[in-house]
Each structure stands twice: as C-alpha cells, then as structure tokens.
Protein backbone atom coordinates (compact mmCIF):
# COMPACT_ATOMS: atom_id res chain seq x y z
CA UNK A 1 106.49 104.58 161.00
CA UNK A 2 105.95 101.61 163.30
CA UNK A 3 105.58 98.24 161.57
CA UNK A 4 103.42 95.58 163.20
CA UNK A 5 102.72 91.89 162.63
CA UNK A 6 99.71 90.57 160.73
CA UNK A 7 98.06 89.63 164.02
CA UNK A 8 98.54 93.14 165.43
CA UNK A 9 97.18 94.65 162.20
CA UNK A 10 94.12 92.41 162.34
CA UNK A 11 93.49 93.41 165.96
CA UNK A 12 93.87 97.11 165.11
CA UNK A 13 91.33 96.75 162.29
CA UNK A 14 88.97 94.53 164.29
CA UNK A 15 89.14 91.68 161.79
CA UNK A 16 90.65 88.19 161.83
CA UNK A 17 94.17 87.32 160.73
CA UNK A 18 92.57 85.09 158.11
CA UNK A 19 90.77 88.13 156.66
CA UNK A 20 94.05 90.04 156.36
CA UNK A 21 95.72 87.04 154.72
CA UNK A 22 92.80 86.70 152.27
CA UNK A 23 93.14 90.38 151.37
CA UNK A 24 96.86 89.85 150.73
CA UNK A 25 96.08 86.81 148.56
CA UNK A 26 93.59 88.76 146.46
CA UNK A 27 95.86 91.78 146.11
CA UNK A 28 93.64 94.10 148.15
CA UNK A 29 96.49 94.67 150.61
CA UNK A 30 100.22 94.84 150.01
CA UNK A 31 102.51 94.50 153.06
CA UNK A 32 105.12 97.17 153.76
CA UNK A 33 107.75 94.49 154.41
CA UNK A 34 107.91 90.73 153.94
CA UNK A 35 110.61 89.05 156.02
CA UNK A 36 112.87 86.33 154.58
CA UNK A 37 110.69 83.85 156.48
CA UNK A 38 107.57 85.10 154.65
CA UNK A 39 106.03 87.09 157.52
CA UNK A 40 104.42 90.42 156.69
CA UNK A 41 104.91 93.68 158.54
CA UNK A 42 102.44 96.54 158.30
CA UNK A 43 102.07 100.28 158.89
CA UNK A 44 98.54 100.38 160.36
CA UNK A 45 97.88 103.98 159.28
CA UNK A 46 98.92 103.23 155.70
CA UNK A 47 96.68 100.16 155.58
CA UNK A 48 93.74 102.17 156.89
CA UNK A 49 94.34 104.73 154.13
CA UNK A 50 94.73 101.97 151.54
CA UNK A 51 91.45 100.32 152.54
CA UNK A 52 89.60 103.57 153.12
CA UNK A 53 90.24 104.65 149.56
CA UNK A 54 88.15 101.77 148.21
CA UNK A 55 84.41 102.34 148.41
CA UNK A 56 82.50 99.59 150.16
CA UNK A 57 85.50 97.63 151.38
CA UNK A 58 85.93 98.79 154.93
CA UNK A 59 83.83 101.08 157.08
CA UNK A 60 84.04 102.07 160.71
CA UNK A 61 81.48 100.34 162.88
CA UNK A 62 80.36 101.17 166.44
CA UNK A 63 83.13 100.81 169.00
CA UNK A 64 85.85 101.88 166.54
CA UNK A 65 85.94 98.45 164.89
CA UNK A 66 85.84 97.96 161.16
CA UNK A 67 83.23 96.06 159.21
CA UNK A 68 83.82 94.47 155.83
CA UNK A 69 81.08 95.20 153.37
CA UNK A 70 80.54 92.75 150.54
CA UNK A 71 79.07 93.77 147.22
CA UNK A 72 77.38 91.36 144.86
CA UNK A 73 77.23 92.12 141.18
CA UNK A 74 73.71 92.61 139.86
CA UNK A 75 74.18 90.10 137.05
CA UNK A 76 74.84 87.36 139.57
CA UNK A 77 71.36 87.90 141.01
CA UNK A 78 69.40 88.31 137.80
CA UNK A 79 67.67 85.40 136.10
CA UNK A 80 67.64 85.05 132.31
CA UNK A 81 64.16 85.34 130.76
CA UNK A 82 64.32 81.82 129.34
CA UNK A 83 65.41 80.16 132.61
CA UNK A 84 63.15 77.51 134.13
CA UNK A 85 62.95 76.74 137.85
CA UNK A 86 64.79 73.56 138.86
CA UNK A 87 62.17 72.59 141.39
CA UNK A 88 59.30 72.50 138.87
CA UNK A 89 57.74 69.08 138.66
CA UNK A 90 55.38 67.95 135.92
C-alpha cells in the first residue's frame, strides 16, 4: 500500500485539493494516516473504493477523471401551498 499526499490524491481523482479537504471536513473521507503536523496521507485505491460505494458521490467521467455529482433534496425545491411570491406587487 503506497500512501500519497492530499495533493497527489486530488490529482489522481481529478479534483481539487480543496474538494478533498471539504470531504474530510464533512466526514465523507477518512485519511489512512494523519501526521503529527496534521497532514493527511492516503491510499488512492482505498479512497476510490470508499467513494465508489456511495451512490451519486463520484463517477468516472471521460478521460478517466472523476466528476462529483450533487444531489438536492426534493423538499428543498418544493413550495408550500400557502406560500406567496416575494416579487408580487399590489
């Protein structure tokens, strides 16, 4: 098992370092090792398995890169029946 830096992981996945760090912050990813200085080290194959096991999170895109797919909950898009438009003028 070869461990790589966060930057190398991001490059291997075709995403930004910021994306990897966000995923760590939200608990989507857990590093294999965290150094005493707070730097993460990763097994790329394990991360691919970890992300691949979650529907809609990561999918392979053309060119072998990965694309993040965002899902929006239906309730966030629905409008209550008694809602009134804010731009209505009388």
